[in-house]
């Protein structure tokens, strides 16, 4: 049963993931913190990190 549901949702998954990522990026870009958001892609997925500036956070 879960395999069938997963297979049916495959066509919608990519668009939903893109929409969620764009929502997170918009929220990060609109934040008022002193650090700019940086998106890093690693072997285990996507990691949002703080950018180092002159050796400090």
PDB file of N, CA and C in Angstrom:
ATOM      1  N   UNK A   1       0.816  -1.189   0.000  1.00  0.00           N
ATOM      2  CA  UNK A   1       0.000   0.000   0.000  1.00  0.00           C
ATOM      3  C   UNK A   1       0.864   1.258   0.000  1.00  0.00           C
ATOM      4  N   UNK A   2       1.858   1.325   0.917  1.00  0.00           N
ATOM      5  CA  UNK A   2       2.685   2.531   0.987  1.00  0.00           C
ATOM      6  C   UNK A   2       3.515   2.714  -0.282  1.00  0.00           C
ATOM      7  N   UNK A   3       3.901   1.625  -0.909  1.00  0.00           N
ATOM      8  CA  UNK A   3       4.642   1.713  -2.174  1.00  0.00           C
ATOM      9  C   UNK A   3       3.766   2.343  -3.258  1.00  0.00           C
ATOM     10  N   UNK A   4       2.520   1.959  -3.298  1.00  0.00           N
ATOM     11  CA  UNK A   4       1.598   2.499  -4.305  1.00  0.00           C
ATOM     12  C   UNK A   4       1.378   3.993  -4.079  1.00  0.00           C
ATOM     13  N   UNK A   5       1.211   4.391  -2.823  1.00  0.00           N
ATOM     14  CA  UNK A   5       1.034   5.808  -2.513  1.00  0.00           C
ATOM     15  C   UNK A   5       2.295   6.585  -2.882  1.00  0.00           C
ATOM     16  N   UNK A   6       3.451   6.036  -2.544  1.00  0.00           N
ATOM     17  CA  UNK A   6       4.724   6.687  -2.879  1.00  0.00           C
ATOM     18  C   UNK A   6       4.872   6.852  -4.391  1.00  0.00           C
ATOM     19  N   UNK A   7       4.540   5.815  -5.123  1.00  0.00           N
ATOM     20  CA  UNK A   7       4.633   5.878  -6.589  1.00  0.00           C
ATOM     21  C   UNK A   7       3.693   6.935  -7.166  1.00  0.00           C
ATOM     22  N   UNK A   8       2.498   7.041  -6.609  1.00  0.00           N
ATOM     23  CA  UNK A   8       1.526   8.027  -7.089  1.00  0.00           C
ATOM     24  C   UNK A   8       1.967   9.457  -6.773  1.00  0.00           C
ATOM     25  N   UNK A   9       2.676   9.643  -5.667  1.00  0.00           N
ATOM     26  CA  UNK A   9       3.092  10.979  -5.251  1.00  0.00           C
ATOM     27  C   UNK A   9       4.369  11.443  -5.957  1.00  0.00           C
ATOM     28  N   UNK A  10       5.052  10.547  -6.630  1.00  0.00           N
ATOM     29  CA  UNK A  10       6.317  10.873  -7.288  1.00  0.00           C
ATOM     30  C   UNK A  10       6.193  12.053  -8.237  1.00  0.00           C
ATOM     31  N   UNK A  11       5.123  12.135  -8.975  1.00  0.00           N
ATOM     32  CA  UNK A  11       4.961  13.215  -9.953  1.00  0.00           C
ATOM     33  C   UNK A  11       4.818  14.578  -9.284  1.00  0.00           C
ATOM     34  N   UNK A  12       4.401  14.605  -8.025  1.00  0.00           N
ATOM     35  CA  UNK A  12       4.201  15.860  -7.306  1.00  0.00           C
ATOM     36  C   UNK A  12       5.373  16.226  -6.392  1.00  0.00           C
ATOM     37  N   UNK A  13       6.211  15.256  -6.067  1.00  0.00           N
ATOM     38  CA  UNK A  13       7.260  15.439  -5.062  1.00  0.00           C
ATOM     39  C   UNK A  13       8.249  16.534  -5.442  1.00  0.00           C
ATOM     40  N   UNK A  14       8.763  16.530  -6.648  1.00  0.00           N
ATOM     41  CA  UNK A  14       9.778  17.505  -7.052  1.00  0.00           C
ATOM     42  C   UNK A  14       9.259  18.936  -6.929  1.00  0.00           C
ATOM     43  N   UNK A  15       8.087  19.189  -7.458  1.00  0.00           N
ATOM     44  CA  UNK A  15       7.519  20.540  -7.385  1.00  0.00           C
ATOM     45  C   UNK A  15       7.282  20.969  -5.942  1.00  0.00           C
ATOM     46  N   UNK A  16       6.816  20.046  -5.108  1.00  0.00           N
ATOM     47  CA  UNK A  16       6.582  20.366  -3.695  1.00  0.00           C
ATOM     48  C   UNK A  16       7.898  20.677  -2.983  1.00  0.00           C
ATOM     49  N   UNK A  17       8.957  19.923  -3.290  1.00  0.00           N
ATOM     50  CA  UNK A  17      10.255  20.172  -2.674  1.00  0.00           C
ATOM     51  C   UNK A  17      10.837  21.507  -3.131  1.00  0.00           C
ATOM     52  N   UNK A  18      10.681  21.830  -4.405  1.00  0.00           N
ATOM     53  CA  UNK A  18      11.161  23.123  -4.921  1.00  0.00           C
ATOM     54  C   UNK A  18      10.410  24.262  -4.248  1.00  0.00           C
ATOM     55  N   UNK A  19       9.099  24.139  -4.131  1.00  0.00           N
ATOM     56  CA  UNK A  19       8.297  25.179  -3.470  1.00  0.00           C
ATOM     57  C   UNK A  19       8.732  25.375  -2.026  1.00  0.00           C
ATOM     58  N   UNK A  20       8.984  24.267  -1.314  1.00  0.00           N
ATOM     59  CA  UNK A  20       9.405  24.370   0.090  1.00  0.00           C
ATOM     60  C   UNK A  20      10.768  25.034   0.200  1.00  0.00           C
ATOM     61  N   UNK A  21      11.702  24.671  -0.666  1.00  0.00           N
ATOM     62  CA  UNK A  21      13.030  25.275  -0.639  1.00  0.00           C
ATOM     63  C   UNK A  21      12.955  26.775  -0.926  1.00  0.00           C
ATOM     64  N   UNK A  22      12.156  27.166  -1.903  1.00  0.00           N
ATOM     65  CA  UNK A  22      12.002  28.590  -2.216  1.00  0.00           C
ATOM     66  C   UNK A  22      11.375  29.351  -1.045  1.00  0.00           C
ATOM     67  N   UNK A  23      10.459  28.720  -0.345  1.00  0.00           N
ATOM     68  CA  UNK A  23       9.861  29.338   0.843  1.00  0.00           C
ATOM     69  C   UNK A  23      10.912  29.552   1.916  1.00  0.00           C
ATOM     70  N   UNK A  24      11.745  28.540   2.166  1.00  0.00           N
ATOM     71  CA  UNK A  24      12.811  28.662   3.174  1.00  0.00           C
ATOM     72  C   UNK A  24      13.815  29.736   2.775  1.00  0.00           C
ATOM     73  N   UNK A  25      14.181  29.773   1.497  1.00  0.00           N
ATOM     74  CA  UNK A  25      15.142  30.779   1.041  1.00  0.00           C
ATOM     75  C   UNK A  25      14.577  32.190   1.153  1.00  0.00           C
ATOM     76  N   UNK A  26      13.298  32.355   0.841  1.00  0.00           N
ATOM     77  CA  UNK A  26      12.664  33.673   0.978  1.00  0.00           C
ATOM     78  C   UNK A  26      12.640  34.105   2.441  1.00  0.00           C
ATOM     79  N   UNK A  27      12.331  33.175   3.339  1.00  0.00           N
ATOM     80  CA  UNK A  27      12.310  33.490   4.769  1.00  0.00           C
ATOM     81  C   UNK A  27      13.707  33.841   5.263  1.00  0.00           C
ATOM     82  N   UNK A  28      14.701  33.110   4.816  1.00  0.00           N
ATOM     83  CA  UNK A  28      16.085  33.398   5.223  1.00  0.00           C
ATOM     84  C   UNK A  28      16.535  34.744   4.671  1.00  0.00           C
ATOM     85  N   UNK A  29      16.171  35.039   3.436  1.00  0.00           N
ATOM     86  CA  UNK A  29      16.557  36.308   2.832  1.00  0.00           C
ATOM     87  C   UNK A  29      15.868  37.499   3.473  1.00  0.00           C
ATOM     88  N   UNK A  30      14.677  37.286   4.019  1.00  0.00           N
ATOM     89  CA  UNK A  30      13.929  38.372   4.644  1.00  0.00           C
ATOM     90  C   UNK A  30      14.291  38.566   6.116  1.00  0.00           C
ATOM     91  N   UNK A  31      15.076  37.648   6.666  1.00  0.00           N
ATOM     92  CA  UNK A  31      15.430  37.767   8.082  1.00  0.00           C
ATOM     93  C   UNK A  31      16.317  38.995   8.292  1.00  0.00           C
ATOM     94  N   UNK A  32      16.297  39.500   9.506  1.00  0.00           N
ATOM     95  CA  UNK A  32      17.029  40.736   9.797  1.00  0.00           C
ATOM     96  C   UNK A  32      18.297  40.485  10.594  1.00  0.00           C
ATOM     97  N   UNK A  33      18.755  39.268  10.629  1.00  0.00           N
ATOM     98  CA  UNK A  33      19.996  38.960  11.344  1.00  0.00           C
ATOM     99  C   UNK A  33      21.195  39.592  10.663  1.00  0.00           C
ATOM    100  N   UNK A  34      22.314  39.582  11.357  1.00  0.00           N
ATOM    101  CA  UNK A  34      23.490  40.236  10.785  1.00  0.00           C
ATOM    102  C   UNK A  34      24.258  39.342   9.815  1.00  0.00           C
ATOM    103  N   UNK A  35      23.862  38.093   9.677  1.00  0.00           N
ATOM    104  CA  UNK A  35      24.534  37.168   8.765  1.00  0.00           C
ATOM    105  C   UNK A  35      23.642  36.871   7.572  1.00  0.00           C
ATOM    106  N   UNK A  36      24.250  36.780   6.403  1.00  0.00           N
ATOM    107  CA  UNK A  36      23.506  36.413   5.201  1.00  0.00           C
ATOM    108  C   UNK A  36      23.423  34.895   5.108  1.00  0.00           C
ATOM    109  N   UNK A  37      22.297  34.369   4.645  1.00  0.00           N
ATOM    110  CA  UNK A  37      22.185  32.916   4.508  1.00  0.00           C
ATOM    111  C   UNK A  37      23.072  32.403   3.376  1.00  0.00           C
ATOM    112  N   UNK A  38      23.612  31.221   3.574  1.00  0.00           N
ATOM    113  CA  UNK A  38      24.437  30.569   2.561  1.00  0.00           C
ATOM    114  C   UNK A  38      23.895  29.159   2.385  1.00  0.00           C
ATOM    115  N   UNK A  39      23.689  28.744   1.160  1.00  0.00           N
ATOM    116  CA  UNK A  39      23.218  27.388   0.890  1.00  0.00           C
ATOM    117  C   UNK A  39      24.410  26.555   0.444  1.00  0.00           C
ATOM    118  N   UNK A  40      24.626  25.447   1.149  1.00  0.00           N
ATOM    119  CA  UNK A  40      25.715  24.524   0.817  1.00  0.00           C
ATOM    120  C   UNK A  40      25.110  23.156   0.510  1.00  0.00           C
ATOM    121  N   UNK A  41      25.568  22.544  -0.546  1.00  0.00           N
ATOM    122  CA  UNK A  41      25.082  21.220  -0.897  1.00  0.00           C
ATOM    123  C   UNK A  41      26.169  20.218  -0.575  1.00  0.00           C
ATOM    124  N   UNK A  42      25.837  19.250   0.253  1.00  0.00           N
ATOM    125  CA  UNK A  42      26.789  18.220   0.644  1.00  0.00           C
ATOM    126  C   UNK A  42      26.311  16.856   0.197  1.00  0.00           C
ATOM    127  N   UNK A  43      27.058  15.855   0.520  1.00  0.00           N
ATOM    128  CA  UNK A  43      26.707  14.504   0.095  1.00  0.00           C
ATOM    129  C   UNK A  43      25.454  13.972   0.772  1.00  0.00           C
ATOM    130  N   UNK A  44      25.089  14.558   1.925  1.00  0.00           N
ATOM    131  CA  UNK A  44      23.921  14.092   2.664  1.00  0.00           C
ATOM    132  C   UNK A  44      22.696  14.966   2.440  1.00  0.00           C
ATOM    133  N   UNK A  45      22.801  15.983   1.604  1.00  0.00           N
ATOM    134  CA  UNK A  45      21.659  16.844   1.367  1.00  0.00           C
ATOM    135  C   UNK A  45      22.069  18.301   1.359  1.00  0.00           C
ATOM    136  N   UNK A  46      21.139  19.155   1.688  1.00  0.00           N
ATOM    137  CA  UNK A  46      21.386  20.597   1.675  1.00  0.00           C
ATOM    138  C   UNK A  46      21.538  21.082   3.112  1.00  0.00           C
ATOM    139  N   UNK A  47      22.546  21.895   3.350  1.00  0.00           N
ATOM    140  CA  UNK A  47      22.807  22.441   4.669  1.00  0.00           C
ATOM    141  C   UNK A  47      22.845  23.957   4.569  1.00  0.00           C
ATOM    142  N   UNK A  48      22.110  24.628   5.422  1.00  0.00           N
ATOM    143  CA  UNK A  48      22.168  26.083   5.481  1.00  0.00           C
ATOM    144  C   UNK A  48      23.192  26.457   6.549  1.00  0.00           C
ATOM    145  N   UNK A  49      24.182  27.241   6.177  1.00  0.00           N
ATOM    146  CA  UNK A  49      25.254  27.604   7.102  1.00  0.00           C
ATOM    147  C   UNK A  49      25.420  29.106   7.171  1.00  0.00           C
ATOM    148  N   UNK A  50      26.108  29.560   8.198  1.00  0.00           N
ATOM    149  CA  UNK A  50      26.475  30.959   8.313  1.00  0.00           C
ATOM    150  C   UNK A  50      27.773  31.180   7.560  1.00  0.00           C
ATOM    151  N   UNK A  51      27.882  32.308   6.895  1.00  0.00           N
ATOM    152  CA  UNK A  51      29.104  32.634   6.171  1.00  0.00           C
ATOM    153  C   UNK A  51      30.116  33.218   7.143  1.00  0.00           C
ATOM    154  N   UNK A  52      31.344  32.730   7.101  1.00  0.00           N
ATOM    155  CA  UNK A  52      32.411  33.233   7.954  1.00  0.00           C
ATOM    156  C   UNK A  52      32.895  34.568   7.409  1.00  0.00           C
ATOM    157  N   UNK A  53      33.085  35.520   8.292  1.00  0.00           N
ATOM    158  CA  UNK A  53      33.583  36.823   7.886  1.00  0.00           C
ATOM    159  C   UNK A  53      34.716  37.197   8.837  1.00  0.00           C
ATOM    160  N   UNK A  54      35.896  37.281   8.293  1.00  0.00           N
ATOM    161  CA  UNK A  54      37.087  37.596   9.063  1.00  0.00           C
ATOM    162  C   UNK A  54      37.272  36.674  10.268  1.00  0.00           C
ATOM    163  N   UNK A  55      36.984  35.392  10.076  1.00  0.00           N
ATOM    164  CA  UNK A  55      37.256  34.393  11.096  1.00  0.00           C
ATOM    165  C   UNK A  55      36.279  34.350  12.251  1.00  0.00           C
ATOM    166  N   UNK A  56      35.163  35.067  12.169  1.00  0.00           N
ATOM    167  CA  UNK A  56      34.193  35.019  13.260  1.00  0.00           C
ATOM    168  C   UNK A  56      32.795  34.840  12.696  1.00  0.00           C
ATOM    169  N   UNK A  57      31.904  34.416  13.552  1.00  0.00           N
ATOM    170  CA  UNK A  57      30.512  34.268  13.160  1.00  0.00           C
ATOM    171  C   UNK A  57      29.867  35.584  13.437  1.00  0.00           C
TER     172      UNK A  57
END
